[in-house]
Amino acid sequence: MLVGVGLGPGDPDLLTLRAVRLLHEAAVVFVPGNLAYDLVRPYRPDAVVLKFPMTSDEAYIRECLEENADRIAPFALDGLAVFGIIGDPNFYSTFSRLCEVIAGRYPEVTFATTPGISSITAFASVANVPVAGGFFVSDGNGPESGIFMKVRRPAALAADLRGKGYSEFVLVERMFLPEQRVYRGDDLPEESDYFSILFARRSHA
């Protein structure tokens, strides 16, 4: 298995307890560059630094992804491999693209992620900016997805969002608590707990 582990915004003190445990337990730890290596070095000085170029040359990026996939896959097939990445592995992350390449070349590999403190929440702390109400986050592209918190009537909200071009829905209720539930697609309940988050993604043209 390959687990993408969020390392937080750049301060080693902001790694989660789960991240540290997985760094210790993994047969091998991979990181994309020296900044990520500095974060894992106190726990895994033997971490392998991989090359992920900062370039717009898609052919070169793809070549590096395939090379890295070939290095990682044997360990992920044989045991627990960790890919430590700054921030969170599911938010604007190299990890998701790496998984796509590995899955295409090594379909037997399984994947999981462990969240890290993202730059979005870290910014609010550093800048001392409390955030309330709706807000917009972008990597420079138009909005593709929406995240709705404290959703009490998810089925009704999804029905409304379908009329606005959204077609993919995931509801997580009471996450990381013993009663955690995950609902997908049309399998959304009429009512949900206060501690619920609905993810909606627009249809691709």
N, C-alpha and C. Protein backbone atom coordinates (compact mmCIF):
# COMPACT_ATOMS: atom_id res chain seq x y z
N MET A 1 0.84 -1.20 0.00
CA MET A 1 0.00 0.00 0.00
C MET A 1 0.87 1.25 0.00
N LEU A 2 0.40 2.27 -0.70
CA LEU A 2 1.06 3.56 -0.69
C LEU A 2 0.15 4.55 0.02
N VAL A 3 0.68 5.19 1.06
CA VAL A 3 -0.10 6.16 1.83
C VAL A 3 0.52 7.55 1.62
N GLY A 4 -0.30 8.47 1.13
CA GLY A 4 0.11 9.86 1.05
C GLY A 4 -0.11 10.52 2.40
N VAL A 5 0.96 11.03 2.99
CA VAL A 5 0.91 11.59 4.34
C VAL A 5 1.14 13.09 4.28
N GLY A 6 0.17 13.85 4.73
CA GLY A 6 0.32 15.30 4.78
C GLY A 6 1.30 15.71 5.87
N LEU A 7 2.26 16.56 5.49
CA LEU A 7 3.30 17.00 6.43
C LEU A 7 3.03 18.39 6.98
N GLY A 8 1.91 18.99 6.62
CA GLY A 8 1.60 20.32 7.12
C GLY A 8 2.28 21.42 6.33
N PRO A 9 2.20 22.66 6.81
CA PRO A 9 2.60 23.82 6.03
C PRO A 9 4.10 24.13 6.03
N GLY A 10 4.90 23.37 6.74
CA GLY A 10 6.33 23.62 6.70
C GLY A 10 7.02 23.67 8.05
N ASP A 11 6.27 23.52 9.14
CA ASP A 11 6.83 23.51 10.49
C ASP A 11 6.79 22.08 11.01
N PRO A 12 7.93 21.48 11.38
CA PRO A 12 7.91 20.10 11.86
C PRO A 12 7.02 19.88 13.07
N ASP A 13 6.75 20.94 13.85
CA ASP A 13 5.88 20.81 15.01
C ASP A 13 4.41 20.62 14.61
N LEU A 14 4.08 20.86 13.34
CA LEU A 14 2.69 20.77 12.89
C LEU A 14 2.38 19.45 12.19
N LEU A 15 3.29 18.47 12.26
CA LEU A 15 2.95 17.13 11.82
C LEU A 15 1.98 16.50 12.81
N THR A 16 1.03 15.74 12.31
CA THR A 16 0.08 15.08 13.20
C THR A 16 0.72 13.85 13.83
N LEU A 17 0.12 13.38 14.92
CA LEU A 17 0.60 12.16 15.56
C LEU A 17 0.50 10.97 14.61
N ARG A 18 -0.55 10.92 13.80
CA ARG A 18 -0.70 9.82 12.84
C ARG A 18 0.39 9.88 11.78
N ALA A 19 0.72 11.09 11.32
CA ALA A 19 1.78 11.22 10.33
C ALA A 19 3.10 10.68 10.88
N VAL A 20 3.42 11.04 12.11
CA VAL A 20 4.67 10.58 12.72
C VAL A 20 4.65 9.06 12.86
N ARG A 21 3.52 8.50 13.27
CA ARG A 21 3.44 7.04 13.41
C ARG A 21 3.67 6.34 12.08
N LEU A 22 3.05 6.84 11.02
CA LEU A 22 3.21 6.21 9.72
C LEU A 22 4.64 6.35 9.19
N LEU A 23 5.26 7.49 9.47
CA LEU A 23 6.66 7.66 9.07
C LEU A 23 7.54 6.61 9.74
N HIS A 24 7.26 6.31 11.00
CA HIS A 24 8.04 5.28 11.72
C HIS A 24 7.73 3.87 11.20
N GLU A 25 6.46 3.62 10.85
CA GLU A 25 6.04 2.26 10.51
C GLU A 25 6.38 1.85 9.08
N ALA A 26 6.52 2.81 8.19
CA ALA A 26 6.70 2.50 6.77
C ALA A 26 8.01 1.78 6.51
N ALA A 27 7.96 0.86 5.56
CA ALA A 27 9.19 0.20 5.12
C ALA A 27 10.12 1.20 4.44
N VAL A 28 9.54 2.14 3.71
CA VAL A 28 10.32 3.18 3.05
C VAL A 28 9.46 4.44 2.96
N VAL A 29 10.11 5.59 3.08
CA VAL A 29 9.44 6.88 2.98
C VAL A 29 10.02 7.64 1.80
N PHE A 30 9.15 8.14 0.95
CA PHE A 30 9.55 8.96 -0.19
C PHE A 30 9.06 10.38 0.02
N VAL A 31 9.84 11.35 -0.44
CA VAL A 31 9.44 12.76 -0.36
C VAL A 31 9.80 13.47 -1.66
N PRO A 32 9.01 14.49 -2.03
CA PRO A 32 9.27 15.22 -3.27
C PRO A 32 10.12 16.47 -3.04
N GLY A 33 11.38 16.29 -2.74
CA GLY A 33 12.26 17.45 -2.60
C GLY A 33 12.79 17.63 -1.19
N ASN A 34 13.71 18.59 -1.07
CA ASN A 34 14.45 18.77 0.18
C ASN A 34 13.63 19.41 1.29
N LEU A 35 12.68 20.27 0.93
CA LEU A 35 11.87 20.90 1.98
C LEU A 35 11.04 19.84 2.70
N ALA A 36 10.44 18.94 1.95
CA ALA A 36 9.69 17.84 2.57
C ALA A 36 10.63 16.93 3.35
N TYR A 37 11.82 16.71 2.82
CA TYR A 37 12.78 15.87 3.54
C TYR A 37 13.13 16.47 4.90
N ASP A 38 13.31 17.78 4.96
CA ASP A 38 13.63 18.43 6.23
C ASP A 38 12.54 18.18 7.28
N LEU A 39 11.29 18.05 6.83
CA LEU A 39 10.19 17.82 7.77
C LEU A 39 10.18 16.39 8.30
N VAL A 40 10.56 15.43 7.46
CA VAL A 40 10.52 14.03 7.91
C VAL A 40 11.84 13.56 8.50
N ARG A 41 12.91 14.31 8.31
CA ARG A 41 14.24 13.87 8.74
C ARG A 41 14.32 13.52 10.22
N PRO A 42 13.65 14.25 11.14
CA PRO A 42 13.74 13.83 12.55
C PRO A 42 13.19 12.44 12.80
N TYR A 43 12.30 11.97 11.93
CA TYR A 43 11.66 10.67 12.13
C TYR A 43 12.18 9.60 11.18
N ARG A 44 12.57 10.02 9.95
CA ARG A 44 13.08 9.09 8.97
C ARG A 44 14.23 9.72 8.18
N PRO A 45 15.42 9.73 8.78
CA PRO A 45 16.57 10.31 8.07
C PRO A 45 16.94 9.56 6.81
N ASP A 46 16.41 8.33 6.67
CA ASP A 46 16.69 7.53 5.48
C ASP A 46 15.66 7.74 4.36
N ALA A 47 14.81 8.75 4.49
CA ALA A 47 13.78 9.00 3.47
C ALA A 47 14.44 9.24 2.11
N VAL A 48 13.76 8.77 1.07
CA VAL A 48 14.27 8.88 -0.30
C VAL A 48 13.70 10.13 -0.94
N VAL A 49 14.59 11.00 -1.41
CA VAL A 49 14.16 12.25 -2.06
C VAL A 49 13.99 11.99 -3.56
N LEU A 50 12.80 12.26 -4.07
CA LEU A 50 12.50 12.06 -5.48
C LEU A 50 12.47 13.40 -6.21
N LYS A 51 12.65 13.34 -7.50
CA LYS A 51 12.67 14.55 -8.33
C LYS A 51 11.28 14.81 -8.89
N PHE A 52 10.72 15.96 -8.52
CA PHE A 52 9.46 16.42 -9.08
C PHE A 52 9.69 17.85 -9.59
N PRO A 53 9.91 18.01 -10.90
CA PRO A 53 10.33 19.31 -11.42
C PRO A 53 9.22 20.36 -11.36
N MET A 54 9.61 21.59 -11.06
CA MET A 54 8.71 22.74 -11.12
C MET A 54 8.84 23.34 -12.52
N THR A 55 8.05 22.85 -13.45
CA THR A 55 8.16 23.27 -14.83
C THR A 55 6.80 23.13 -15.50
N SER A 56 6.63 23.80 -16.61
CA SER A 56 5.41 23.66 -17.40
C SER A 56 5.57 22.67 -18.54
N ASP A 57 6.74 22.01 -18.61
CA ASP A 57 7.01 21.03 -19.65
C ASP A 57 6.31 19.72 -19.29
N GLU A 58 5.12 19.51 -19.86
CA GLU A 58 4.31 18.35 -19.49
C GLU A 58 5.00 17.02 -19.82
N ALA A 59 5.74 16.98 -20.93
CA ALA A 59 6.43 15.74 -21.29
C ALA A 59 7.47 15.37 -20.25
N TYR A 60 8.21 16.37 -19.75
CA TYR A 60 9.23 16.11 -18.74
C TYR A 60 8.58 15.73 -17.41
N ILE A 61 7.48 16.41 -17.07
CA ILE A 61 6.76 16.08 -15.84
C ILE A 61 6.29 14.63 -15.89
N ARG A 62 5.72 14.23 -17.02
CA ARG A 62 5.23 12.86 -17.16
C ARG A 62 6.38 11.86 -17.06
N GLU A 63 7.51 12.19 -17.65
CA GLU A 63 8.67 11.29 -17.58
C GLU A 63 9.11 11.09 -16.14
N CYS A 64 9.16 12.19 -15.37
CA CYS A 64 9.56 12.09 -13.96
C CYS A 64 8.53 11.31 -13.14
N LEU A 65 7.24 11.53 -13.41
CA LEU A 65 6.20 10.80 -12.70
C LEU A 65 6.33 9.30 -12.95
N GLU A 66 6.60 8.92 -14.19
CA GLU A 66 6.74 7.50 -14.50
C GLU A 66 7.99 6.90 -13.84
N GLU A 67 9.08 7.66 -13.83
CA GLU A 67 10.29 7.18 -13.15
C GLU A 67 10.03 6.99 -11.66
N ASN A 68 9.35 7.96 -11.06
CA ASN A 68 9.06 7.87 -9.63
C ASN A 68 8.09 6.73 -9.34
N ALA A 69 7.12 6.54 -10.23
CA ALA A 69 6.18 5.43 -10.06
C ALA A 69 6.92 4.10 -10.04
N ASP A 70 7.88 3.95 -10.93
CA ASP A 70 8.64 2.69 -11.00
C ASP A 70 9.51 2.48 -9.77
N ARG A 71 9.95 3.56 -9.11
CA ARG A 71 10.74 3.42 -7.89
C ARG A 71 9.87 3.09 -6.69
N ILE A 72 8.68 3.66 -6.65
CA ILE A 72 7.81 3.51 -5.49
C ILE A 72 7.06 2.19 -5.50
N ALA A 73 6.56 1.79 -6.66
CA ALA A 73 5.63 0.67 -6.76
C ALA A 73 6.13 -0.63 -6.12
N PRO A 74 7.38 -1.04 -6.32
CA PRO A 74 7.81 -2.31 -5.70
C PRO A 74 7.65 -2.34 -4.19
N PHE A 75 7.89 -1.21 -3.54
CA PHE A 75 7.75 -1.15 -2.07
C PHE A 75 6.27 -1.13 -1.67
N ALA A 76 5.44 -0.43 -2.46
CA ALA A 76 4.00 -0.36 -2.16
C ALA A 76 3.33 -1.72 -2.39
N LEU A 77 3.85 -2.50 -3.32
CA LEU A 77 3.31 -3.83 -3.57
C LEU A 77 3.71 -4.81 -2.48
N ASP A 78 4.86 -4.56 -1.86
CA ASP A 78 5.44 -5.52 -0.92
C ASP A 78 5.12 -5.21 0.54
N GLY A 79 4.63 -3.99 0.83
CA GLY A 79 4.38 -3.60 2.21
C GLY A 79 3.84 -2.19 2.27
N LEU A 80 4.21 -1.48 3.33
CA LEU A 80 3.73 -0.11 3.52
C LEU A 80 4.79 0.88 3.06
N ALA A 81 4.43 1.69 2.06
CA ALA A 81 5.28 2.79 1.62
C ALA A 81 4.55 4.09 1.89
N VAL A 82 5.29 5.10 2.28
CA VAL A 82 4.72 6.41 2.58
C VAL A 82 5.30 7.45 1.63
N PHE A 83 4.42 8.31 1.13
CA PHE A 83 4.85 9.47 0.34
C PHE A 83 4.47 10.70 1.15
N GLY A 84 5.49 11.36 1.73
CA GLY A 84 5.24 12.53 2.56
C GLY A 84 5.21 13.78 1.71
N ILE A 85 4.17 14.58 1.86
CA ILE A 85 4.03 15.76 1.02
C ILE A 85 3.61 16.96 1.85
N ILE A 86 4.18 18.11 1.56
CA ILE A 86 3.85 19.33 2.29
C ILE A 86 2.38 19.66 2.09
N GLY A 87 1.74 20.09 3.16
CA GLY A 87 0.32 20.40 3.10
C GLY A 87 -0.51 19.16 3.29
N ASP A 88 -1.54 19.01 2.46
CA ASP A 88 -2.47 17.89 2.53
C ASP A 88 -2.45 17.14 1.20
N PRO A 89 -2.40 15.81 1.22
CA PRO A 89 -2.23 15.06 -0.03
C PRO A 89 -3.42 15.11 -0.98
N ASN A 90 -4.55 15.64 -0.52
CA ASN A 90 -5.73 15.70 -1.38
C ASN A 90 -6.08 17.10 -1.86
N PHE A 91 -5.30 18.10 -1.46
CA PHE A 91 -5.59 19.47 -1.86
C PHE A 91 -4.45 20.01 -2.72
N TYR A 92 -4.73 20.17 -4.03
CA TYR A 92 -3.76 20.74 -4.97
C TYR A 92 -2.40 20.06 -4.83
N SER A 93 -2.42 18.74 -4.87
CA SER A 93 -1.24 17.97 -4.48
C SER A 93 -0.69 17.15 -5.64
N THR A 94 0.63 16.98 -5.64
CA THR A 94 1.30 16.09 -6.58
C THR A 94 0.89 14.64 -6.36
N PHE A 95 0.48 14.31 -5.16
CA PHE A 95 0.20 12.91 -4.82
C PHE A 95 -0.91 12.32 -5.68
N SER A 96 -1.98 13.07 -5.92
CA SER A 96 -3.09 12.52 -6.69
C SER A 96 -2.67 12.19 -8.11
N ARG A 97 -1.84 13.04 -8.71
CA ARG A 97 -1.37 12.76 -10.06
C ARG A 97 -0.41 11.56 -10.07
N LEU A 98 0.43 11.47 -9.05
CA LEU A 98 1.33 10.33 -8.93
C LEU A 98 0.53 9.03 -8.83
N CYS A 99 -0.55 9.04 -8.06
CA CYS A 99 -1.37 7.83 -7.90
C CYS A 99 -1.98 7.40 -9.23
N GLU A 100 -2.40 8.37 -10.04
CA GLU A 100 -2.97 8.04 -11.35
C GLU A 100 -1.94 7.30 -12.21
N VAL A 101 -0.70 7.77 -12.17
CA VAL A 101 0.35 7.14 -12.98
C VAL A 101 0.66 5.75 -12.45
N ILE A 102 0.80 5.62 -11.12
CA ILE A 102 1.09 4.31 -10.54
C ILE A 102 -0.04 3.33 -10.84
N ALA A 103 -1.28 3.77 -10.69
CA ALA A 103 -2.43 2.89 -10.93
C ALA A 103 -2.46 2.40 -12.38
N GLY A 104 -2.05 3.25 -13.31
CA GLY A 104 -2.03 2.85 -14.71
C GLY A 104 -0.95 1.83 -15.02
N ARG A 105 0.17 1.92 -14.29
CA ARG A 105 1.30 1.02 -14.56
C ARG A 105 1.32 -0.18 -13.62
N TYR A 106 0.77 -0.01 -12.42
CA TYR A 106 0.78 -1.07 -11.41
C TYR A 106 -0.61 -1.14 -10.75
N PRO A 107 -1.59 -1.71 -11.44
CA PRO A 107 -2.96 -1.68 -10.91
C PRO A 107 -3.15 -2.45 -9.60
N GLU A 108 -2.17 -3.24 -9.20
CA GLU A 108 -2.30 -3.99 -7.94
C GLU A 108 -2.03 -3.12 -6.72
N VAL A 109 -1.43 -1.95 -6.90
CA VAL A 109 -1.12 -1.08 -5.77
C VAL A 109 -2.40 -0.45 -5.23
N THR A 110 -2.53 -0.44 -3.90
CA THR A 110 -3.65 0.25 -3.25
C THR A 110 -3.15 1.55 -2.63
N PHE A 111 -4.09 2.48 -2.42
CA PHE A 111 -3.72 3.82 -1.97
C PHE A 111 -4.59 4.25 -0.79
N ALA A 112 -4.02 5.12 0.03
CA ALA A 112 -4.75 5.76 1.12
C ALA A 112 -4.08 7.10 1.40
N THR A 113 -4.76 7.95 2.14
CA THR A 113 -4.17 9.24 2.50
C THR A 113 -4.40 9.52 3.98
N THR A 114 -3.49 10.29 4.55
CA THR A 114 -3.63 10.81 5.91
C THR A 114 -3.56 12.32 5.83
N PRO A 115 -4.57 13.03 6.32
CA PRO A 115 -4.60 14.48 6.13
C PRO A 115 -3.49 15.19 6.88
N GLY A 116 -3.11 16.34 6.33
CA GLY A 116 -2.17 17.22 7.00
C GLY A 116 -2.79 18.60 7.13
N ILE A 117 -2.20 19.44 7.94
CA ILE A 117 -2.67 20.82 8.06
C ILE A 117 -2.40 21.52 6.73
N SER A 118 -3.44 21.99 6.07
CA SER A 118 -3.28 22.59 4.75
C SER A 118 -2.87 24.05 4.87
N SER A 119 -2.37 24.60 3.76
CA SER A 119 -2.00 26.01 3.74
C SER A 119 -3.21 26.91 3.97
N ILE A 120 -4.40 26.41 3.64
CA ILE A 120 -5.61 27.21 3.81
C ILE A 120 -5.86 27.50 5.28
N THR A 121 -5.82 26.46 6.11
CA THR A 121 -6.04 26.68 7.54
C THR A 121 -4.82 27.28 8.21
N ALA A 122 -3.63 26.94 7.73
CA ALA A 122 -2.42 27.52 8.31
C ALA A 122 -2.36 29.03 8.08
N PHE A 123 -2.79 29.47 6.90
CA PHE A 123 -2.81 30.91 6.59
C PHE A 123 -3.64 31.66 7.62
N ALA A 124 -4.83 31.14 7.93
CA ALA A 124 -5.71 31.83 8.86
C ALA A 124 -5.06 31.99 10.22
N SER A 125 -4.25 30.98 10.62
CA SER A 125 -3.56 31.06 11.90
C SER A 125 -2.43 32.09 11.86
N VAL A 126 -1.60 32.01 10.81
CA VAL A 126 -0.44 32.91 10.71
C VAL A 126 -0.90 34.37 10.57
N ALA A 127 -1.93 34.59 9.76
CA ALA A 127 -2.40 35.95 9.51
C ALA A 127 -3.38 36.44 10.57
N ASN A 128 -3.77 35.53 11.49
CA ASN A 128 -4.76 35.85 12.53
C ASN A 128 -6.04 36.38 11.90
N VAL A 129 -6.53 35.62 10.91
CA VAL A 129 -7.75 35.98 10.19
C VAL A 129 -8.82 34.93 10.48
N PRO A 130 -9.82 35.25 11.29
CA PRO A 130 -10.90 34.29 11.49
C PRO A 130 -11.77 34.21 10.23
N VAL A 131 -12.13 32.99 9.84
CA VAL A 131 -12.92 32.79 8.62
C VAL A 131 -14.29 32.24 9.00
N ALA A 132 -15.33 32.88 8.50
CA ALA A 132 -16.70 32.41 8.72
C ALA A 132 -17.50 32.68 7.45
N GLY A 133 -18.61 31.99 7.31
CA GLY A 133 -19.40 32.13 6.09
C GLY A 133 -18.73 31.42 4.93
N GLY A 134 -19.29 31.56 3.76
CA GLY A 134 -18.71 30.92 2.59
C GLY A 134 -17.46 31.63 2.12
N PHE A 135 -16.53 30.88 1.53
CA PHE A 135 -15.33 31.50 0.96
C PHE A 135 -14.89 30.71 -0.25
N PHE A 136 -14.08 31.33 -1.09
CA PHE A 136 -13.67 30.76 -2.37
C PHE A 136 -12.18 30.50 -2.36
N VAL A 137 -11.77 29.30 -2.78
CA VAL A 137 -10.37 28.94 -2.88
C VAL A 137 -10.10 28.50 -4.31
N SER A 138 -9.00 28.96 -4.90
CA SER A 138 -8.70 28.60 -6.28
C SER A 138 -7.21 28.49 -6.49
N ASP A 139 -6.82 27.63 -7.43
CA ASP A 139 -5.43 27.56 -7.85
C ASP A 139 -5.21 28.37 -9.13
N GLY A 140 -6.15 29.23 -9.43
CA GLY A 140 -6.07 30.05 -10.64
C GLY A 140 -7.06 29.62 -11.70
N ASN A 141 -7.67 28.45 -11.50
CA ASN A 141 -8.70 27.97 -12.41
C ASN A 141 -10.08 28.28 -11.87
N GLY A 142 -11.08 28.08 -12.69
CA GLY A 142 -12.45 28.32 -12.25
C GLY A 142 -12.91 27.30 -11.24
N PRO A 143 -13.99 27.58 -10.52
CA PRO A 143 -14.47 26.66 -9.49
C PRO A 143 -15.03 25.38 -10.10
N GLU A 144 -14.49 24.26 -9.66
CA GLU A 144 -14.95 22.95 -10.11
C GLU A 144 -15.73 22.23 -9.03
N SER A 145 -15.37 22.51 -7.78
CA SER A 145 -15.95 21.78 -6.65
C SER A 145 -16.44 22.75 -5.59
N GLY A 146 -17.31 22.23 -4.72
CA GLY A 146 -17.77 22.99 -3.57
C GLY A 146 -17.76 22.11 -2.34
N ILE A 147 -17.44 22.68 -1.20
CA ILE A 147 -17.46 21.97 0.08
C ILE A 147 -18.43 22.71 0.99
N PHE A 148 -19.43 21.99 1.48
CA PHE A 148 -20.49 22.59 2.28
C PHE A 148 -20.47 21.97 3.66
N MET A 149 -20.32 22.80 4.69
CA MET A 149 -20.19 22.33 6.06
C MET A 149 -21.53 22.43 6.80
N LYS A 150 -21.65 21.64 7.85
CA LYS A 150 -22.82 21.66 8.72
C LYS A 150 -24.10 21.42 7.92
N VAL A 151 -24.07 20.42 7.06
CA VAL A 151 -25.19 20.13 6.16
C VAL A 151 -26.23 19.30 6.91
N ARG A 152 -27.40 19.85 7.12
CA ARG A 152 -28.44 19.14 7.84
C ARG A 152 -29.43 18.44 6.90
N ARG A 153 -29.56 18.93 5.65
CA ARG A 153 -30.48 18.32 4.67
C ARG A 153 -29.72 18.06 3.37
N PRO A 154 -28.87 17.04 3.36
CA PRO A 154 -27.98 16.82 2.22
C PRO A 154 -28.70 16.46 0.92
N ALA A 155 -29.76 15.65 0.99
CA ALA A 155 -30.45 15.27 -0.24
C ALA A 155 -31.06 16.49 -0.92
N ALA A 156 -31.65 17.39 -0.15
CA ALA A 156 -32.25 18.59 -0.71
C ALA A 156 -31.18 19.52 -1.28
N LEU A 157 -30.06 19.64 -0.58
CA LEU A 157 -28.97 20.49 -1.08
C LEU A 157 -28.42 19.93 -2.38
N ALA A 158 -28.22 18.61 -2.46
CA ALA A 158 -27.70 18.00 -3.68
C ALA A 158 -28.67 18.21 -4.84
N ALA A 159 -29.96 18.10 -4.58
CA ALA A 159 -30.95 18.32 -5.64
C ALA A 159 -30.86 19.75 -6.18
N ASP A 160 -30.65 20.70 -5.29
CA ASP A 160 -30.50 22.10 -5.72
C ASP A 160 -29.21 22.28 -6.53
N LEU A 161 -28.15 21.64 -6.09
CA LEU A 161 -26.86 21.78 -6.76
C LEU A 161 -26.86 21.12 -8.14
N ARG A 162 -27.64 20.07 -8.32
CA ARG A 162 -27.71 19.43 -9.64
C ARG A 162 -28.20 20.43 -10.69
N GLY A 163 -29.10 21.30 -10.29
CA GLY A 163 -29.58 22.31 -11.21
C GLY A 163 -28.56 23.37 -11.54
N LYS A 164 -27.43 23.38 -10.81
CA LYS A 164 -26.36 24.35 -11.05
C LYS A 164 -25.13 23.69 -11.68
N GLY A 165 -25.31 22.45 -12.17
CA GLY A 165 -24.24 21.80 -12.91
C GLY A 165 -23.39 20.82 -12.13
N TYR A 166 -23.72 20.58 -10.86
CA TYR A 166 -22.96 19.61 -10.07
C TYR A 166 -23.56 18.21 -10.28
N SER A 167 -22.68 17.21 -10.33
CA SER A 167 -23.18 15.86 -10.58
C SER A 167 -22.58 14.80 -9.66
N GLU A 168 -21.51 15.11 -8.97
CA GLU A 168 -20.84 14.15 -8.10
C GLU A 168 -20.93 14.63 -6.65
N PHE A 169 -21.39 13.76 -5.76
CA PHE A 169 -21.62 14.16 -4.37
C PHE A 169 -21.05 13.11 -3.41
N VAL A 170 -20.40 13.60 -2.35
CA VAL A 170 -19.94 12.73 -1.26
C VAL A 170 -20.25 13.44 0.05
N LEU A 171 -20.94 12.75 0.93
CA LEU A 171 -21.27 13.29 2.26
C LEU A 171 -20.50 12.48 3.30
N VAL A 172 -19.79 13.18 4.17
CA VAL A 172 -19.12 12.54 5.31
C VAL A 172 -19.76 13.07 6.58
N GLU A 173 -20.27 12.15 7.38
CA GLU A 173 -20.99 12.50 8.60
C GLU A 173 -20.19 12.03 9.81
N ARG A 174 -19.93 12.94 10.75
CA ARG A 174 -19.21 12.64 12.00
C ARG A 174 -17.87 11.97 11.72
N MET A 175 -17.05 12.61 10.86
CA MET A 175 -15.80 11.99 10.45
C MET A 175 -14.83 11.84 11.61
N PHE A 176 -14.12 10.72 11.58
CA PHE A 176 -13.15 10.30 12.58
C PHE A 176 -13.78 10.02 13.95
N LEU A 177 -15.10 10.04 14.03
CA LEU A 177 -15.79 9.64 15.25
C LEU A 177 -16.29 8.20 15.07
N PRO A 178 -16.64 7.52 16.16
CA PRO A 178 -17.05 6.11 16.01
C PRO A 178 -18.23 5.90 15.07
N GLU A 179 -19.09 6.92 14.93
CA GLU A 179 -20.29 6.77 14.10
C GLU A 179 -20.07 7.29 12.68
N GLN A 180 -18.83 7.41 12.25
CA GLN A 180 -18.56 7.98 10.92
C GLN A 180 -19.31 7.22 9.82
N ARG A 181 -19.91 7.99 8.90
CA ARG A 181 -20.59 7.41 7.75
C ARG A 181 -20.17 8.20 6.50
N VAL A 182 -20.05 7.48 5.38
CA VAL A 182 -19.74 8.11 4.10
C VAL A 182 -20.81 7.71 3.10
N TYR A 183 -21.43 8.70 2.47
CA TYR A 183 -22.46 8.48 1.47
C TYR A 183 -21.97 9.04 0.14
N ARG A 184 -22.31 8.36 -0.96
CA ARG A 184 -21.85 8.79 -2.27
C ARG A 184 -22.99 8.81 -3.27
N GLY A 185 -22.86 9.69 -4.25
CA GLY A 185 -23.80 9.73 -5.37
C GLY A 185 -25.21 10.06 -4.93
N ASP A 186 -26.16 9.22 -5.35
CA ASP A 186 -27.57 9.45 -5.02
C ASP A 186 -27.97 8.88 -3.67
N ASP A 187 -27.02 8.24 -2.98
CA ASP A 187 -27.31 7.59 -1.71
C ASP A 187 -27.13 8.57 -0.54
N LEU A 188 -27.77 9.72 -0.64
CA LEU A 188 -27.65 10.74 0.41
C LEU A 188 -28.90 10.72 1.29
N PRO A 189 -28.72 10.81 2.61
CA PRO A 189 -29.89 10.81 3.49
C PRO A 189 -30.65 12.14 3.42
N GLU A 190 -31.89 12.09 3.84
CA GLU A 190 -32.69 13.32 3.88
C GLU A 190 -32.16 14.28 4.94
N GLU A 191 -31.71 13.72 6.09
CA GLU A 191 -31.19 14.53 7.17
C GLU A 191 -29.85 13.96 7.62
N SER A 192 -28.99 14.83 8.14
CA SER A 192 -27.69 14.38 8.63
C SER A 192 -27.31 15.15 9.87
N ASP A 193 -26.26 14.69 10.50
CA ASP A 193 -25.77 15.26 11.75
C ASP A 193 -25.19 16.65 11.51
N TYR A 194 -25.15 17.46 12.56
CA TYR A 194 -24.52 18.78 12.49
C TYR A 194 -23.08 18.68 12.00
N PHE A 195 -22.37 17.63 12.40
CA PHE A 195 -20.98 17.43 11.99
C PHE A 195 -20.94 16.68 10.66
N SER A 196 -21.37 17.35 9.62
CA SER A 196 -21.41 16.75 8.29
C SER A 196 -20.83 17.70 7.25
N ILE A 197 -20.16 17.12 6.26
CA ILE A 197 -19.59 17.90 5.16
C ILE A 197 -20.02 17.24 3.85
N LEU A 198 -20.53 18.06 2.93
CA LEU A 198 -20.90 17.59 1.60
C LEU A 198 -19.92 18.14 0.58
N PHE A 199 -19.35 17.23 -0.21
CA PHE A 199 -18.48 17.61 -1.32
C PHE A 199 -19.26 17.45 -2.61
N ALA A 200 -19.22 18.46 -3.46
CA ALA A 200 -19.91 18.43 -4.75
C ALA A 200 -18.95 18.85 -5.84
N ARG A 201 -18.98 18.09 -6.97
CA ARG A 201 -18.10 18.42 -8.10
C ARG A 201 -18.97 18.62 -9.35
N ARG A 202 -18.60 19.60 -10.14
CA ARG A 202 -19.33 19.89 -11.36
C ARG A 202 -19.05 18.84 -12.43
N SER A 203 -20.00 18.70 -13.35
CA SER A 203 -19.80 17.82 -14.49
C SER A 203 -18.72 18.41 -15.40
N HIS A 204 -17.91 17.53 -16.00
CA HIS A 204 -16.91 17.97 -16.96
C HIS A 204 -17.53 18.02 -18.34
N ALA A 205 -17.27 19.10 -19.05
CA ALA A 205 -17.83 19.26 -20.39
C ALA A 205 -17.18 18.26 -21.34
